[in-house]
N, C-alpha and C. Protein backbone atom coordinates (compact mmCIF):
# COMPACT_ATOMS: atom_id res chain seq x y z
N UNK A 1 0.85 -1.16 0.00
CA UNK A 1 0.00 0.00 0.00
C UNK A 1 0.90 1.24 0.00
N UNK A 2 0.66 2.18 -0.91
CA UNK A 2 1.49 3.38 -0.93
C UNK A 2 1.25 4.23 0.33
N UNK A 3 2.28 4.91 0.76
CA UNK A 3 2.16 5.76 1.94
C UNK A 3 2.04 7.21 1.51
N UNK A 4 1.43 8.00 2.39
CA UNK A 4 1.23 9.41 2.14
C UNK A 4 1.81 10.19 3.30
N UNK A 5 2.57 11.21 3.00
CA UNK A 5 3.18 12.05 4.02
C UNK A 5 2.14 13.00 4.61
N UNK A 6 2.07 13.05 5.95
CA UNK A 6 1.21 14.02 6.62
C UNK A 6 2.06 14.78 7.63
N UNK A 7 1.70 16.01 7.87
CA UNK A 7 2.39 16.82 8.86
C UNK A 7 1.56 16.86 10.13
N UNK A 8 2.19 16.67 11.25
CA UNK A 8 1.50 16.66 12.53
C UNK A 8 2.28 17.53 13.50
N UNK A 9 1.56 18.34 14.25
CA UNK A 9 2.20 19.14 15.29
C UNK A 9 1.81 18.57 16.65
N UNK A 10 2.81 18.39 17.51
CA UNK A 10 2.57 17.92 18.86
C UNK A 10 3.30 18.84 19.83
N UNK A 11 2.84 18.88 21.07
CA UNK A 11 3.51 19.71 22.06
C UNK A 11 4.83 19.05 22.47
N UNK A 12 5.65 19.80 23.17
CA UNK A 12 6.99 19.31 23.54
C UNK A 12 6.92 18.07 24.44
N UNK A 13 5.97 18.05 25.35
CA UNK A 13 5.85 16.91 26.26
C UNK A 13 5.53 15.63 25.48
N UNK A 14 4.60 15.73 24.55
CA UNK A 14 4.24 14.56 23.73
C UNK A 14 5.43 14.11 22.90
N UNK A 15 6.17 15.06 22.35
CA UNK A 15 7.35 14.72 21.56
C UNK A 15 8.38 13.98 22.41
N UNK A 16 8.61 14.44 23.63
CA UNK A 16 9.56 13.78 24.51
C UNK A 16 9.10 12.36 24.85
N UNK A 17 7.81 12.19 25.07
CA UNK A 17 7.27 10.85 25.35
C UNK A 17 7.48 9.94 24.14
N UNK A 18 7.20 10.44 22.96
CA UNK A 18 7.40 9.65 21.73
C UNK A 18 8.87 9.28 21.55
N UNK A 19 9.76 10.21 21.84
CA UNK A 19 11.19 9.92 21.73
C UNK A 19 11.62 8.86 22.74
N UNK A 20 11.06 8.93 23.94
CA UNK A 20 11.37 7.93 24.97
C UNK A 20 10.89 6.54 24.54
N UNK A 21 9.70 6.48 23.98
CA UNK A 21 9.16 5.21 23.49
C UNK A 21 10.04 4.66 22.38
N UNK A 22 10.40 5.52 21.43
CA UNK A 22 11.24 5.09 20.31
C UNK A 22 12.59 4.59 20.81
N UNK A 23 13.14 5.29 21.77
CA UNK A 23 14.43 4.89 22.33
C UNK A 23 14.33 3.54 23.03
N UNK A 24 13.26 3.34 23.79
CA UNK A 24 13.07 2.08 24.49
C UNK A 24 12.87 0.91 23.55
N UNK A 25 12.28 1.18 22.40
CA UNK A 25 12.07 0.13 21.41
C UNK A 25 13.26 0.01 20.46
N UNK A 26 14.29 0.82 20.70
CA UNK A 26 15.46 0.88 19.82
C UNK A 26 15.05 1.16 18.38
N UNK A 27 14.07 2.04 18.25
CA UNK A 27 13.55 2.43 16.94
C UNK A 27 14.34 3.64 16.44
N UNK A 28 14.83 3.55 15.23
CA UNK A 28 15.63 4.65 14.67
C UNK A 28 14.77 5.81 14.20
N UNK A 29 13.56 5.51 13.76
CA UNK A 29 12.70 6.53 13.17
C UNK A 29 11.46 6.75 14.04
N UNK A 30 11.29 7.98 14.47
CA UNK A 30 10.14 8.35 15.28
C UNK A 30 8.83 8.12 14.52
N UNK A 31 8.89 8.25 13.21
CA UNK A 31 7.68 8.07 12.39
C UNK A 31 7.11 6.66 12.53
N UNK A 32 7.97 5.67 12.76
CA UNK A 32 7.46 4.30 12.93
C UNK A 32 6.63 4.17 14.20
N UNK A 33 7.05 4.86 15.25
CA UNK A 33 6.29 4.83 16.52
C UNK A 33 4.95 5.53 16.32
N UNK A 34 4.97 6.65 15.64
CA UNK A 34 3.73 7.39 15.40
C UNK A 34 2.79 6.58 14.52
N UNK A 35 3.34 5.92 13.50
CA UNK A 35 2.52 5.09 12.61
C UNK A 35 1.86 3.95 13.39
N UNK A 36 2.61 3.30 14.26
CA UNK A 36 2.05 2.22 15.08
C UNK A 36 0.95 2.74 15.99
N UNK A 37 1.17 3.92 16.57
CA UNK A 37 0.16 4.51 17.45
C UNK A 37 -1.12 4.82 16.68
N UNK A 38 -0.97 5.32 15.46
CA UNK A 38 -2.16 5.60 14.63
C UNK A 38 -2.93 4.32 14.30
N UNK A 39 -2.21 3.26 13.95
CA UNK A 39 -2.87 1.98 13.66
C UNK A 39 -3.65 1.48 14.88
N UNK A 40 -3.03 1.56 16.05
CA UNK A 40 -3.69 1.12 17.28
C UNK A 40 -4.93 1.96 17.55
N UNK A 41 -4.83 3.24 17.37
CA UNK A 41 -5.95 4.16 17.61
C UNK A 41 -7.10 3.87 16.66
N UNK A 42 -6.79 3.71 15.38
CA UNK A 42 -7.82 3.43 14.38
C UNK A 42 -8.50 2.09 14.66
N UNK A 43 -7.72 1.09 14.99
CA UNK A 43 -8.28 -0.24 15.24
C UNK A 43 -9.11 -0.28 16.51
N UNK A 44 -8.83 0.61 17.44
CA UNK A 44 -9.66 0.70 18.64
C UNK A 44 -11.09 1.11 18.27
N UNK A 45 -11.23 1.93 17.24
CA UNK A 45 -12.55 2.35 16.78
C UNK A 45 -13.21 1.35 15.86
N UNK A 46 -12.42 0.65 15.06
CA UNK A 46 -13.00 -0.29 14.10
C UNK A 46 -13.24 -1.67 14.70
N UNK A 47 -12.61 -1.93 15.84
CA UNK A 47 -12.79 -3.22 16.49
C UNK A 47 -11.90 -4.32 15.94
N UNK A 48 -11.04 -3.99 14.99
CA UNK A 48 -10.12 -4.98 14.44
C UNK A 48 -9.08 -5.35 15.50
N UNK A 49 -8.79 -6.63 15.63
CA UNK A 49 -7.77 -7.00 16.62
C UNK A 49 -6.38 -6.56 16.18
N UNK A 50 -5.57 -6.20 17.15
CA UNK A 50 -4.18 -5.85 16.89
C UNK A 50 -3.30 -6.81 17.66
N UNK A 51 -2.04 -6.82 17.35
CA UNK A 51 -1.12 -7.69 18.10
C UNK A 51 -1.11 -7.32 19.57
N UNK A 52 -1.19 -6.01 19.86
CA UNK A 52 -1.20 -5.58 21.26
C UNK A 52 -2.46 -6.05 21.97
N UNK A 53 -3.60 -5.93 21.32
CA UNK A 53 -4.84 -6.34 21.98
C UNK A 53 -4.87 -7.85 22.18
N UNK A 54 -4.36 -8.59 21.21
CA UNK A 54 -4.31 -10.05 21.36
C UNK A 54 -3.34 -10.45 22.47
N UNK A 55 -2.20 -9.77 22.55
CA UNK A 55 -1.23 -10.06 23.61
C UNK A 55 -1.83 -9.75 24.98
N UNK A 56 -2.58 -8.64 25.07
CA UNK A 56 -3.23 -8.27 26.33
C UNK A 56 -4.21 -9.37 26.77
N UNK A 57 -4.99 -9.89 25.81
CA UNK A 57 -5.93 -10.97 26.12
C UNK A 57 -5.19 -12.23 26.58
N UNK A 58 -4.10 -12.55 25.90
CA UNK A 58 -3.30 -13.72 26.29
C UNK A 58 -2.77 -13.55 27.70
N UNK A 59 -2.28 -12.34 28.02
CA UNK A 59 -1.76 -12.08 29.36
C UNK A 59 -2.85 -12.22 30.42
N UNK A 60 -4.05 -11.72 30.12
CA UNK A 60 -5.17 -11.84 31.07
C UNK A 60 -5.54 -13.30 31.30
N UNK A 61 -5.57 -14.08 30.24
CA UNK A 61 -5.87 -15.51 30.35
C UNK A 61 -4.78 -16.21 31.16
N UNK A 62 -3.54 -15.84 30.92
CA UNK A 62 -2.42 -16.44 31.65
C UNK A 62 -2.54 -16.18 33.15
N UNK A 63 -2.91 -14.96 33.52
CA UNK A 63 -3.08 -14.63 34.94
C UNK A 63 -4.19 -15.48 35.55
N UNK A 64 -5.30 -15.63 34.84
CA UNK A 64 -6.41 -16.45 35.36
C UNK A 64 -5.99 -17.91 35.51
N UNK A 65 -5.25 -18.43 34.53
CA UNK A 65 -4.79 -19.82 34.61
C UNK A 65 -3.84 -20.03 35.79
N UNK A 66 -2.97 -19.07 36.04
CA UNK A 66 -2.06 -19.18 37.18
C UNK A 66 -2.83 -19.22 38.49
N UNK A 67 -3.88 -18.41 38.59
CA UNK A 67 -4.70 -18.41 39.81
C UNK A 67 -5.36 -19.78 40.01
N UNK A 68 -5.87 -20.35 38.93
CA UNK A 68 -6.51 -21.66 39.03
C UNK A 68 -5.49 -22.72 39.41
N UNK A 69 -4.31 -22.67 38.82
CA UNK A 69 -3.26 -23.64 39.15
C UNK A 69 -2.83 -23.50 40.60
N UNK A 70 -2.72 -22.27 41.09
CA UNK A 70 -2.35 -22.04 42.49
C UNK A 70 -3.41 -22.58 43.43
N UNK A 71 -4.68 -22.41 43.07
CA UNK A 71 -5.77 -22.93 43.91
C UNK A 71 -5.74 -24.46 43.95
N UNK A 72 -5.46 -25.08 42.80
CA UNK A 72 -5.39 -26.55 42.75
C UNK A 72 -4.24 -27.05 43.61
N UNK A 73 -3.12 -26.37 43.59
CA UNK A 73 -1.96 -26.79 44.38
C UNK A 73 -2.22 -26.68 45.87
N UNK A 74 -3.00 -25.68 46.24
CA UNK A 74 -3.26 -25.47 47.67
C UNK A 74 -4.28 -26.44 48.23
N UNK A 75 -4.97 -27.19 47.38
CA UNK A 75 -5.96 -28.17 47.85
C UNK A 75 -5.34 -29.43 48.33
């Protein structure tokens, strides 16, 4: 899919947060972090699953399974 350049203005605090996120992900280009954030935001409205939302569900299920396993062990 071809990409289209858009200009976005953000305040300094938001820019620093984006830079921190990019640095933590060892991302060279800030635009990749912004692109990922846009995809997540759009999919939140459309209801399409994302890797993050699926991982969150997996983590929630894992926590519940651990609780059940702990209860079984304590019996």
